[in-house]
């Protein structure tokens, strides 16, 4: 594996994060519950991690602000446009596998 400078590593990680966010915005057909059930994280988790990173650096960021960064629009607008009702099977799977912080 190539050795990267700390700046290169940060830049590559930031680029990967931006691509992930872009991909999740493009795939609005994939519901958060599907992500949680399959991968153990969702868009809301990603926005929480973003907010926690900002706060660790002394930058105050609200939950709504961090969600807008990830969703590309206010969360309520994304929900109205894209969120569908989860099936009882998906809800049961989520409750069974849900992380403690969700």
C-alpha atoms as a PDB file:
ATOM      1  CA  UNK A   1       0.000   0.000   0.000  1.00  0.00           C
ATOM      2  CA  UNK A   2       1.202   3.498  -0.764  1.00  0.00           C
ATOM      3  CA  UNK A   3       2.110   5.806   2.055  1.00  0.00           C
ATOM      4  CA  UNK A   4      -0.005   8.942   2.163  1.00  0.00           C
ATOM      5  CA  UNK A   5       0.658  12.151   3.961  1.00  0.00           C
ATOM      6  CA  UNK A   6      -1.909  13.040   6.630  1.00  0.00           C
ATOM      7  CA  UNK A   7      -3.224  15.741   4.286  1.00  0.00           C
ATOM      8  CA  UNK A   8      -3.604  13.277   1.418  1.00  0.00           C
ATOM      9  CA  UNK A   9      -5.403  10.803   3.651  1.00  0.00           C
ATOM     10  CA  UNK A  10      -7.771  13.549   4.867  1.00  0.00           C
ATOM     11  CA  UNK A  11      -8.412  14.705   1.289  1.00  0.00           C
ATOM     12  CA  UNK A  12      -9.067  11.161   0.032  1.00  0.00           C
ATOM     13  CA  UNK A  13     -11.394  10.434   2.943  1.00  0.00           C
ATOM     14  CA  UNK A  14     -13.240  13.700   2.337  1.00  0.00           C
ATOM     15  CA  UNK A  15     -13.626  12.863  -1.358  1.00  0.00           C
ATOM     16  CA  UNK A  16     -14.986   9.417  -0.474  1.00  0.00           C
ATOM     17  CA  UNK A  17     -17.436  10.985   1.989  1.00  0.00           C
ATOM     18  CA  UNK A  18     -18.649  13.462  -0.638  1.00  0.00           C
ATOM     19  CA  UNK A  19     -19.133  10.620  -3.125  1.00  0.00           C
ATOM     20  CA  UNK A  20     -21.079   8.582  -0.555  1.00  0.00           C
ATOM     21  CA  UNK A  21     -23.364  11.540   0.179  1.00  0.00           C
ATOM     22  CA  UNK A  22     -23.875  12.147  -3.546  1.00  0.00           C
ATOM     23  CA  UNK A  23     -24.675   8.466  -4.075  1.00  0.00           C
ATOM     24  CA  UNK A  24     -27.213   8.445  -1.232  1.00  0.00           C
ATOM     25  CA  UNK A  25     -28.866  11.566  -2.649  1.00  0.00           C
ATOM     26  CA  UNK A  26     -29.116   9.913  -6.074  1.00  0.00           C
ATOM     27  CA  UNK A  27     -30.540   6.720  -4.544  1.00  0.00           C
ATOM     28  CA  UNK A  28     -33.543   8.234  -2.797  1.00  0.00           C
ATOM     29  CA  UNK A  29     -35.364   4.995  -3.645  1.00  0.00           C
ATOM     30  CA  UNK A  30     -33.288   3.281  -0.962  1.00  0.00           C
ATOM     31  CA  UNK A  31     -34.993   3.924   2.340  1.00  0.00           C
ATOM     32  CA  UNK A  32     -33.118   4.540   5.581  1.00  0.00           C
ATOM     33  CA  UNK A  33     -34.662   1.433   7.129  1.00  0.00           C
ATOM     34  CA  UNK A  34     -33.245  -0.622   4.246  1.00  0.00           C
ATOM     35  CA  UNK A  35     -29.789   0.835   4.896  1.00  0.00           C
ATOM     36  CA  UNK A  36     -30.101   0.174   8.632  1.00  0.00           C
ATOM     37  CA  UNK A  37     -31.272  -3.393   8.150  1.00  0.00           C
ATOM     38  CA  UNK A  38     -28.542  -4.189   5.637  1.00  0.00           C
ATOM     39  CA  UNK A  39     -25.560  -2.088   6.716  1.00  0.00           C
ATOM     40  CA  UNK A  40     -26.295  -0.945  10.258  1.00  0.00           C
ATOM     41  CA  UNK A  41     -26.232   2.764   9.397  1.00  0.00           C
ATOM     42  CA  UNK A  42     -28.364   5.239   7.466  1.00  0.00           C
ATOM     43  CA  UNK A  43     -28.388   8.832   6.286  1.00  0.00           C
ATOM     44  CA  UNK A  44     -29.342  10.004   9.771  1.00  0.00           C
ATOM     45  CA  UNK A  45     -26.354   8.165  11.264  1.00  0.00           C
ATOM     46  CA  UNK A  46     -24.088   9.819   8.724  1.00  0.00           C
ATOM     47  CA  UNK A  47     -25.496  13.243   9.595  1.00  0.00           C
ATOM     48  CA  UNK A  48     -25.012  12.508  13.313  1.00  0.00           C
ATOM     49  CA  UNK A  49     -21.377  11.530  12.734  1.00  0.00           C
ATOM     50  CA  UNK A  50     -20.872  14.735  10.754  1.00  0.00           C
ATOM     51  CA  UNK A  51     -22.375  16.809  13.567  1.00  0.00           C
ATOM     52  CA  UNK A  52     -20.265  15.007  16.182  1.00  0.00           C
ATOM     53  CA  UNK A  53     -17.096  15.699  14.149  1.00  0.00           C
ATOM     54  CA  UNK A  54     -17.995  19.372  13.875  1.00  0.00           C
ATOM     55  CA  UNK A  55     -18.718  19.618  17.592  1.00  0.00           C
ATOM     56  CA  UNK A  56     -15.434  17.842  18.421  1.00  0.00           C
ATOM     57  CA  UNK A  57     -13.726  20.651  16.515  1.00  0.00           C
ATOM     58  CA  UNK A  58     -15.679  23.309  18.427  1.00  0.00           C
ATOM     59  CA  UNK A  59     -18.229  24.030  15.686  1.00  0.00           C
ATOM     60  CA  UNK A  60     -21.866  24.040  16.791  1.00  0.00           C
ATOM     61  CA  UNK A  61     -24.117  22.310  14.288  1.00  0.00           C
ATOM     62  CA  UNK A  62     -27.762  21.429  14.860  1.00  0.00           C
ATOM     63  CA  UNK A  63     -29.320  18.108  13.943  1.00  0.00           C
ATOM     64  CA  UNK A  64     -31.373  19.861  11.264  1.00  0.00           C
ATOM     65  CA  UNK A  65     -28.273  21.521   9.801  1.00  0.00           C
ATOM     66  CA  UNK A  66     -26.291  18.292   9.650  1.00  0.00           C
ATOM     67  CA  UNK A  67     -29.213  16.435   8.092  1.00  0.00           C
ATOM     68  CA  UNK A  68     -29.568  19.109   5.433  1.00  0.00           C
ATOM     69  CA  UNK A  69     -25.885  18.654   4.594  1.00  0.00           C
ATOM     70  CA  UNK A  70     -26.392  14.918   4.064  1.00  0.00           C
ATOM     71  CA  UNK A  71     -29.849  14.998   2.458  1.00  0.00           C
ATOM     72  CA  UNK A  72     -29.205  18.071   0.298  1.00  0.00           C
ATOM     73  CA  UNK A  73     -32.460  19.601   1.486  1.00  0.00           C
ATOM     74  CA  UNK A  74     -34.372  19.996   4.746  1.00  0.00           C
ATOM     75  CA  UNK A  75     -35.109  16.586   6.242  1.00  0.00           C
ATOM     76  CA  UNK A  76     -38.888  17.179   6.291  1.00  0.00           C
ATOM     77  CA  UNK A  77     -38.790  17.940   2.570  1.00  0.00           C
ATOM     78  CA  UNK A  78     -36.827  14.744   1.860  1.00  0.00           C
ATOM     79  CA  UNK A  79     -39.311  12.730   3.906  1.00  0.00           C
ATOM     80  CA  UNK A  80     -42.266  14.218   2.030  1.00  0.00           C
ATOM     81  CA  UNK A  81     -40.660  13.552  -1.352  1.00  0.00           C
ATOM     82  CA  UNK A  82     -39.056  10.172  -0.820  1.00  0.00           C
ATOM     83  CA  UNK A  83     -39.939   8.336   2.378  1.00  0.00           C
ATOM     84  CA  UNK A  84     -42.399   5.484   2.133  1.00  0.00           C
ATOM     85  CA  UNK A  85     -44.082   3.441   4.839  1.00  0.00           C
ATOM     86  CA  UNK A  86     -41.925   0.511   5.892  1.00  0.00           C
ATOM     87  CA  UNK A  87     -43.392  -2.960   5.825  1.00  0.00           C
ATOM     88  CA  UNK A  88     -43.984  -4.777   9.087  1.00  0.00           C
ATOM     89  CA  UNK A  89     -41.154  -7.169   8.160  1.00  0.00           C
ATOM     90  CA  UNK A  90     -38.700  -4.284   7.760  1.00  0.00           C
ATOM     91  CA  UNK A  91     -39.846  -2.728  11.035  1.00  0.00           C
ATOM     92  CA  UNK A  92     -39.402  -6.032  12.874  1.00  0.00           C
ATOM     93  CA  UNK A  93     -35.933  -6.511  11.390  1.00  0.00           C
ATOM     94  CA  UNK A  94     -35.005  -2.973  12.429  1.00  0.00           C
ATOM     95  CA  UNK A  95     -36.181  -3.495  16.009  1.00  0.00           C
ATOM     96  CA  UNK A  96     -34.258  -6.770  16.190  1.00  0.00           C
ATOM     97  CA  UNK A  97     -31.005  -5.386  14.796  1.00  0.00           C
ATOM     98  CA  UNK A  98     -31.193  -1.712  15.796  1.00  0.00           C
ATOM     99  CA  UNK A  99     -27.992  -0.246  17.232  1.00  0.00           C
ATOM    100  CA  UNK A 100     -28.235   1.057  20.799  1.00  0.00           C
ATOM    101  CA  UNK A 101     -27.838   4.689  19.698  1.00  0.00           C
ATOM    102  CA  UNK A 102     -30.709   4.623  17.215  1.00  0.00           C
END
